[in-house]
Amino acid sequence: MFIEIAAGVMALAAVVLVAVLVPMLMQLRKTAEESERLLRRMNEDMPVLFREATQAARNMNQVAGEMREAATSARVLGEAMGGVGETINEVRELVRGGAGTLLTNVGSLLAGFRAAYGVFKQKAESHHQGGSSNGG
């Protein structure tokens, strides 16, 4: 009887083992098939992804180069604008100094005319007074 119980327990253990192993092996087979499909698809998609990544890197390099050129142009423009600003300041200083000199010269010229007019007027009056007394 002990041998029969042992044989029954062994048979039950074998049935449980088969009942557990069969679904597990079936799931393992499905997982292996899915892995194989995934690897096949990756082999198909990877070259396309690499081409797209390479193109994206080229585009980024081109944009970076264009930005470098734009920055250089902006720096040149800024330097030119600074030069224009300096020229405007120099012209303003020249005009300011030239206007002061011009006003001084015009003032001096007017003072000379006024003095000359005064001298002519004084000579004309003295000549006018002296001419009537001498001519009479």
N, C-alpha and C. Protein backbone atom coordinates (compact mmCIF):
# COMPACT_ATOMS: atom_id res chain seq x y z
N MET A 1 0.81 -1.17 0.00
CA MET A 1 0.00 0.00 0.00
C MET A 1 0.88 1.27 0.00
N PHE A 2 1.99 1.22 0.69
CA PHE A 2 2.89 2.35 0.74
C PHE A 2 3.45 2.63 -0.66
N ILE A 3 3.71 1.62 -1.41
CA ILE A 3 4.24 1.77 -2.75
C ILE A 3 3.17 2.36 -3.65
N GLU A 4 1.97 1.99 -3.48
CA GLU A 4 0.88 2.52 -4.29
C GLU A 4 0.68 4.01 -4.00
N ILE A 5 0.77 4.39 -2.73
CA ILE A 5 0.62 5.81 -2.35
C ILE A 5 1.79 6.60 -2.93
N ALA A 6 2.97 6.03 -2.84
CA ALA A 6 4.15 6.70 -3.37
C ALA A 6 4.04 6.84 -4.88
N ALA A 7 3.54 5.79 -5.54
CA ALA A 7 3.38 5.84 -6.98
C ALA A 7 2.30 6.84 -7.35
N GLY A 8 1.22 6.94 -6.56
CA GLY A 8 0.16 7.91 -6.80
C GLY A 8 0.65 9.34 -6.62
N VAL A 9 1.47 9.56 -5.57
CA VAL A 9 2.03 10.90 -5.32
C VAL A 9 2.98 11.26 -6.46
N MET A 10 3.77 10.27 -6.93
CA MET A 10 4.70 10.55 -8.03
C MET A 10 3.92 10.86 -9.31
N ALA A 11 2.83 10.11 -9.54
CA ALA A 11 2.02 10.36 -10.74
C ALA A 11 1.37 11.73 -10.65
N LEU A 12 0.86 12.09 -9.46
CA LEU A 12 0.25 13.41 -9.26
C LEU A 12 1.28 14.51 -9.46
N ALA A 13 2.49 14.30 -8.97
CA ALA A 13 3.56 15.29 -9.14
C ALA A 13 3.91 15.45 -10.61
N ALA A 14 3.93 14.33 -11.35
CA ALA A 14 4.23 14.39 -12.78
C ALA A 14 3.12 15.13 -13.52
N VAL A 15 1.85 14.90 -13.15
CA VAL A 15 0.73 15.59 -13.79
C VAL A 15 0.81 17.09 -13.50
N VAL A 16 1.09 17.45 -12.24
CA VAL A 16 1.22 18.88 -11.88
C VAL A 16 2.39 19.49 -12.63
N LEU A 17 3.49 18.76 -12.69
CA LEU A 17 4.66 19.28 -13.40
C LEU A 17 4.34 19.50 -14.87
N VAL A 18 3.67 18.54 -15.50
CA VAL A 18 3.30 18.68 -16.90
C VAL A 18 2.29 19.81 -17.06
N ALA A 19 1.34 19.91 -16.13
CA ALA A 19 0.32 20.97 -16.21
C ALA A 19 0.95 22.36 -16.07
N VAL A 20 2.01 22.47 -15.34
CA VAL A 20 2.69 23.77 -15.19
C VAL A 20 3.66 24.00 -16.35
N LEU A 21 4.40 22.96 -16.73
CA LEU A 21 5.43 23.14 -17.75
C LEU A 21 4.85 23.38 -19.14
N VAL A 22 3.77 22.74 -19.50
CA VAL A 22 3.22 22.88 -20.85
C VAL A 22 2.79 24.32 -21.11
N PRO A 23 1.95 24.97 -20.25
CA PRO A 23 1.60 26.37 -20.53
C PRO A 23 2.82 27.29 -20.49
N MET A 24 3.76 26.99 -19.58
CA MET A 24 4.95 27.83 -19.50
C MET A 24 5.77 27.72 -20.79
N LEU A 25 5.92 26.51 -21.30
CA LEU A 25 6.67 26.33 -22.54
C LEU A 25 5.94 26.95 -23.72
N MET A 26 4.61 26.87 -23.72
CA MET A 26 3.84 27.52 -24.79
C MET A 26 4.02 29.04 -24.74
N GLN A 27 3.99 29.63 -23.54
CA GLN A 27 4.21 31.07 -23.40
C GLN A 27 5.63 31.45 -23.79
N LEU A 28 6.58 30.61 -23.45
CA LEU A 28 7.97 30.87 -23.83
C LEU A 28 8.13 30.84 -25.35
N ARG A 29 7.42 29.91 -26.02
CA ARG A 29 7.46 29.86 -27.48
C ARG A 29 6.86 31.13 -28.09
N LYS A 30 5.72 31.59 -27.54
CA LYS A 30 5.11 32.83 -28.04
C LYS A 30 6.04 34.01 -27.83
N THR A 31 6.67 34.05 -26.66
CA THR A 31 7.61 35.15 -26.38
C THR A 31 8.79 35.11 -27.35
N ALA A 32 9.29 33.94 -27.66
CA ALA A 32 10.41 33.81 -28.60
C ALA A 32 9.97 34.26 -29.99
N GLU A 33 8.76 33.91 -30.41
CA GLU A 33 8.26 34.34 -31.71
C GLU A 33 8.10 35.86 -31.77
N GLU A 34 7.57 36.46 -30.70
CA GLU A 34 7.43 37.93 -30.65
C GLU A 34 8.80 38.60 -30.67
N SER A 35 9.75 38.02 -29.96
CA SER A 35 11.12 38.58 -29.97
C SER A 35 11.71 38.52 -31.37
N GLU A 36 11.47 37.41 -32.06
CA GLU A 36 11.98 37.26 -33.42
C GLU A 36 11.34 38.29 -34.34
N ARG A 37 10.01 38.51 -34.22
CA ARG A 37 9.34 39.53 -35.04
C ARG A 37 9.88 40.92 -34.73
N LEU A 38 10.08 41.18 -33.44
CA LEU A 38 10.61 42.49 -33.04
C LEU A 38 12.00 42.71 -33.63
N LEU A 39 12.85 41.71 -33.55
CA LEU A 39 14.21 41.85 -34.11
C LEU A 39 14.17 42.02 -35.62
N ARG A 40 13.27 41.30 -36.30
CA ARG A 40 13.15 41.45 -37.74
C ARG A 40 12.71 42.87 -38.09
N ARG A 41 11.73 43.36 -37.34
CA ARG A 41 11.24 44.72 -37.60
C ARG A 41 12.31 45.77 -37.30
N MET A 42 13.05 45.55 -36.23
CA MET A 42 14.15 46.48 -35.92
C MET A 42 15.19 46.47 -37.02
N ASN A 43 15.48 45.31 -37.59
CA ASN A 43 16.43 45.23 -38.70
C ASN A 43 15.91 46.00 -39.91
N GLU A 44 14.61 46.03 -40.09
CA GLU A 44 14.04 46.78 -41.21
C GLU A 44 14.02 48.28 -40.92
N ASP A 45 13.71 48.65 -39.69
CA ASP A 45 13.52 50.07 -39.34
C ASP A 45 14.82 50.80 -39.00
N MET A 46 15.80 50.09 -38.49
CA MET A 46 17.03 50.74 -38.04
C MET A 46 17.76 51.51 -39.14
N PRO A 47 17.94 50.96 -40.32
CA PRO A 47 18.62 51.75 -41.36
C PRO A 47 17.89 53.05 -41.68
N VAL A 48 16.55 52.99 -41.68
CA VAL A 48 15.78 54.21 -41.94
C VAL A 48 16.01 55.22 -40.81
N LEU A 49 15.98 54.73 -39.56
CA LEU A 49 16.21 55.62 -38.42
C LEU A 49 17.61 56.22 -38.46
N PHE A 50 18.60 55.41 -38.83
CA PHE A 50 19.97 55.92 -38.92
C PHE A 50 20.09 56.98 -40.01
N ARG A 51 19.43 56.75 -41.16
CA ARG A 51 19.46 57.76 -42.22
C ARG A 51 18.82 59.06 -41.74
N GLU A 52 17.68 58.94 -41.06
CA GLU A 52 16.99 60.14 -40.57
C GLU A 52 17.82 60.86 -39.51
N ALA A 53 18.46 60.10 -38.63
CA ALA A 53 19.32 60.71 -37.61
C ALA A 53 20.51 61.41 -38.25
N THR A 54 21.08 60.78 -39.28
CA THR A 54 22.21 61.40 -39.99
C THR A 54 21.77 62.69 -40.67
N GLN A 55 20.61 62.65 -41.31
CA GLN A 55 20.09 63.86 -41.98
C GLN A 55 19.80 64.95 -40.96
N ALA A 56 19.24 64.58 -39.81
CA ALA A 56 18.97 65.57 -38.76
C ALA A 56 20.27 66.20 -38.27
N ALA A 57 21.31 65.39 -38.11
CA ALA A 57 22.61 65.93 -37.68
C ALA A 57 23.18 66.88 -38.74
N ARG A 58 23.03 66.53 -40.02
CA ARG A 58 23.50 67.43 -41.08
C ARG A 58 22.74 68.75 -41.05
N ASN A 59 21.41 68.64 -40.88
CA ASN A 59 20.59 69.86 -40.81
C ASN A 59 21.01 70.73 -39.64
N MET A 60 21.25 70.11 -38.49
CA MET A 60 21.69 70.88 -37.32
C MET A 60 23.03 71.56 -37.58
N ASN A 61 23.96 70.86 -38.22
CA ASN A 61 25.25 71.46 -38.56
C ASN A 61 25.08 72.63 -39.52
N GLN A 62 24.19 72.48 -40.49
CA GLN A 62 23.95 73.57 -41.44
C GLN A 62 23.35 74.77 -40.74
N VAL A 63 22.37 74.53 -39.86
CA VAL A 63 21.76 75.64 -39.11
C VAL A 63 22.79 76.32 -38.22
N ALA A 64 23.65 75.52 -37.58
CA ALA A 64 24.69 76.10 -36.73
C ALA A 64 25.64 76.97 -37.56
N GLY A 65 25.99 76.51 -38.75
CA GLY A 65 26.86 77.32 -39.63
C GLY A 65 26.19 78.61 -40.05
N GLU A 66 24.90 78.52 -40.40
CA GLU A 66 24.18 79.74 -40.78
C GLU A 66 24.06 80.71 -39.61
N MET A 67 23.87 80.17 -38.41
CA MET A 67 23.80 81.04 -37.23
C MET A 67 25.15 81.71 -36.98
N ARG A 68 26.24 80.95 -37.20
CA ARG A 68 27.57 81.56 -37.05
C ARG A 68 27.76 82.71 -38.04
N GLU A 69 27.34 82.48 -39.29
CA GLU A 69 27.45 83.53 -40.31
C GLU A 69 26.59 84.73 -39.94
N ALA A 70 25.38 84.48 -39.44
CA ALA A 70 24.49 85.58 -39.05
C ALA A 70 25.09 86.36 -37.88
N ALA A 71 25.70 85.65 -36.95
CA ALA A 71 26.32 86.33 -35.81
C ALA A 71 27.50 87.19 -36.28
N THR A 72 28.27 86.67 -37.23
CA THR A 72 29.38 87.46 -37.78
C THR A 72 28.86 88.70 -38.49
N SER A 73 27.80 88.53 -39.27
CA SER A 73 27.22 89.68 -39.97
C SER A 73 26.66 90.69 -38.98
N ALA A 74 26.03 90.20 -37.93
CA ALA A 74 25.49 91.11 -36.91
C ALA A 74 26.61 91.86 -36.23
N ARG A 75 27.74 91.18 -35.96
CA ARG A 75 28.87 91.86 -35.33
C ARG A 75 29.42 92.95 -36.26
N VAL A 76 29.54 92.62 -37.57
CA VAL A 76 30.02 93.62 -38.54
C VAL A 76 29.06 94.80 -38.59
N LEU A 77 27.75 94.50 -38.60
CA LEU A 77 26.75 95.56 -38.61
C LEU A 77 26.86 96.42 -37.36
N GLY A 78 27.04 95.77 -36.22
CA GLY A 78 27.19 96.53 -34.96
C GLY A 78 28.42 97.42 -34.99
N GLU A 79 29.53 96.88 -35.51
CA GLU A 79 30.74 97.69 -35.61
C GLU A 79 30.53 98.87 -36.56
N ALA A 80 29.82 98.62 -37.67
CA ALA A 80 29.54 99.71 -38.62
C ALA A 80 28.66 100.77 -37.97
N MET A 81 27.66 100.32 -37.22
CA MET A 81 26.79 101.29 -36.55
C MET A 81 27.57 102.08 -35.50
N GLY A 82 28.51 101.42 -34.82
CA GLY A 82 29.36 102.13 -33.88
C GLY A 82 30.20 103.18 -34.59
N GLY A 83 30.72 102.82 -35.78
CA GLY A 83 31.51 103.78 -36.57
C GLY A 83 30.66 104.95 -37.00
N VAL A 84 29.40 104.68 -37.40
CA VAL A 84 28.49 105.77 -37.79
C VAL A 84 28.23 106.67 -36.59
N GLY A 85 28.03 106.06 -35.43
CA GLY A 85 27.82 106.85 -34.21
C GLY A 85 29.01 107.74 -33.89
N GLU A 86 30.20 107.18 -34.03
CA GLU A 86 31.41 107.99 -33.79
C GLU A 86 31.51 109.13 -34.80
N THR A 87 31.21 108.85 -36.06
CA THR A 87 31.25 109.90 -37.09
C THR A 87 30.24 110.99 -36.78
N ILE A 88 29.05 110.61 -36.36
CA ILE A 88 28.03 111.60 -35.99
C ILE A 88 28.52 112.45 -34.83
N ASN A 89 29.13 111.84 -33.83
CA ASN A 89 29.66 112.61 -32.71
C ASN A 89 30.75 113.57 -33.17
N GLU A 90 31.64 113.09 -34.05
CA GLU A 90 32.69 113.98 -34.55
C GLU A 90 32.11 115.15 -35.33
N VAL A 91 31.12 114.87 -36.19
CA VAL A 91 30.49 115.94 -36.97
C VAL A 91 29.79 116.93 -36.03
N ARG A 92 29.12 116.39 -35.02
CA ARG A 92 28.42 117.26 -34.06
C ARG A 92 29.43 118.16 -33.33
N GLU A 93 30.56 117.58 -32.94
CA GLU A 93 31.59 118.38 -32.27
C GLU A 93 32.16 119.43 -33.23
N LEU A 94 32.38 119.03 -34.50
CA LEU A 94 32.89 120.00 -35.46
C LEU A 94 31.89 121.12 -35.70
N VAL A 95 30.61 120.74 -35.82
CA VAL A 95 29.59 121.77 -36.03
C VAL A 95 29.50 122.67 -34.82
N ARG A 96 29.52 122.06 -33.64
CA ARG A 96 29.46 122.87 -32.41
C ARG A 96 30.65 123.83 -32.35
N GLY A 97 31.86 123.31 -32.59
CA GLY A 97 33.05 124.17 -32.57
C GLY A 97 33.03 125.15 -33.73
N GLY A 98 32.62 124.68 -34.93
CA GLY A 98 32.56 125.55 -36.10
C GLY A 98 31.52 126.64 -35.94
N ALA A 99 30.39 126.30 -35.32
CA ALA A 99 29.34 127.31 -35.11
C ALA A 99 29.83 128.38 -34.15
N GLY A 100 30.55 127.94 -33.12
CA GLY A 100 31.10 128.93 -32.18
C GLY A 100 32.10 129.84 -32.87
N THR A 101 32.96 129.26 -33.69
CA THR A 101 33.94 130.06 -34.43
C THR A 101 33.23 130.98 -35.42
N LEU A 102 32.22 130.45 -36.10
CA LEU A 102 31.47 131.25 -37.05
C LEU A 102 30.80 132.44 -36.36
N LEU A 103 30.17 132.17 -35.20
CA LEU A 103 29.53 133.26 -34.46
C LEU A 103 30.54 134.31 -34.01
N THR A 104 31.70 133.83 -33.59
CA THR A 104 32.75 134.77 -33.17
C THR A 104 33.20 135.61 -34.36
N ASN A 105 33.40 134.98 -35.51
CA ASN A 105 33.84 135.71 -36.70
C ASN A 105 32.78 136.70 -37.16
N VAL A 106 31.50 136.28 -37.15
CA VAL A 106 30.43 137.19 -37.55
C VAL A 106 30.34 138.36 -36.58
N GLY A 107 30.48 138.06 -35.29
CA GLY A 107 30.47 139.14 -34.29
C GLY A 107 31.61 140.11 -34.51
N SER A 108 32.79 139.55 -34.78
CA SER A 108 33.95 140.41 -35.04
C SER A 108 33.73 141.24 -36.30
N LEU A 109 33.17 140.63 -37.35
CA LEU A 109 32.90 141.34 -38.59
C LEU A 109 31.90 142.48 -38.35
N LEU A 110 30.83 142.19 -37.60
CA LEU A 110 29.84 143.23 -37.29
C LEU A 110 30.46 144.36 -36.47
N ALA A 111 31.32 143.99 -35.52
CA ALA A 111 31.99 145.03 -34.72
C ALA A 111 32.87 145.89 -35.63
N GLY A 112 33.55 145.25 -36.60
CA GLY A 112 34.38 146.01 -37.54
C GLY A 112 33.53 146.94 -38.39
N PHE A 113 32.36 146.43 -38.89
CA PHE A 113 31.47 147.29 -39.68
C PHE A 113 30.96 148.45 -38.84
N ARG A 114 30.60 148.18 -37.60
CA ARG A 114 30.08 149.21 -36.71
C ARG A 114 31.15 150.29 -36.48
N ALA A 115 32.39 149.81 -36.25
CA ALA A 115 33.48 150.76 -36.04
C ALA A 115 33.73 151.58 -37.30
N ALA A 116 33.74 150.89 -38.45
CA ALA A 116 33.97 151.60 -39.70
C ALA A 116 32.84 152.59 -39.96
N TYR A 117 31.59 152.18 -39.70
CA TYR A 117 30.45 153.07 -39.88
C TYR A 117 30.58 154.29 -38.96
N GLY A 118 31.01 154.02 -37.73
CA GLY A 118 31.20 155.13 -36.80
C GLY A 118 32.26 156.10 -37.30
N VAL A 119 33.34 155.56 -37.83
CA VAL A 119 34.41 156.41 -38.34
C VAL A 119 33.91 157.20 -39.54
N PHE A 120 33.23 156.53 -40.50
CA PHE A 120 32.69 157.24 -41.67
C PHE A 120 31.68 158.28 -41.27
N LYS A 121 30.85 157.95 -40.31
CA LYS A 121 29.83 158.89 -39.87
C LYS A 121 30.48 160.11 -39.22
N GLN A 122 31.48 159.83 -38.41
CA GLN A 122 32.17 160.94 -37.75
C GLN A 122 32.89 161.81 -38.78
N LYS A 123 33.52 161.20 -39.78
CA LYS A 123 34.19 161.99 -40.81
C LYS A 123 33.18 162.74 -41.65
N ALA A 124 32.03 162.08 -41.91
CA ALA A 124 31.00 162.74 -42.71
C ALA A 124 30.45 163.94 -41.94
N GLU A 125 30.23 163.78 -40.64
CA GLU A 125 29.72 164.90 -39.84
C GLU A 125 30.76 166.02 -39.75
N SER A 126 32.00 165.66 -39.55
CA SER A 126 33.02 166.68 -39.46
C SER A 126 33.24 167.35 -40.84
N HIS A 127 33.12 166.60 -41.87
CA HIS A 127 33.24 167.16 -43.19
C HIS A 127 32.03 168.03 -43.51
N HIS A 128 30.87 167.62 -43.08
CA HIS A 128 29.64 168.37 -43.30
C HIS A 128 29.69 169.69 -42.51
N GLN A 129 30.16 169.59 -41.31
CA GLN A 129 30.25 170.83 -40.51
C GLN A 129 31.35 171.72 -41.03
N GLY A 130 32.41 171.14 -41.38
CA GLY A 130 33.53 171.95 -41.87
C GLY A 130 33.26 172.48 -43.25
N GLY A 131 32.51 171.84 -44.07
CA GLY A 131 32.21 172.26 -45.44
C GLY A 131 31.28 173.46 -45.45
N SER A 132 30.32 173.58 -44.57
CA SER A 132 29.41 174.72 -44.55
C SER A 132 30.09 175.96 -44.01
N SER A 133 31.05 175.76 -43.06
CA SER A 133 31.74 176.94 -42.57
C SER A 133 32.79 177.42 -43.53
N ASN A 134 33.38 176.48 -44.27
CA ASN A 134 34.39 176.86 -45.24
C ASN A 134 33.77 177.34 -46.53
N GLY A 135 32.61 176.82 -46.88
CA GLY A 135 32.02 177.16 -48.15
C GLY A 135 31.19 178.43 -48.09
N GLY A 136 30.91 179.06 -47.02
CA GLY A 136 29.99 180.14 -46.87
C GLY A 136 30.46 181.47 -47.03
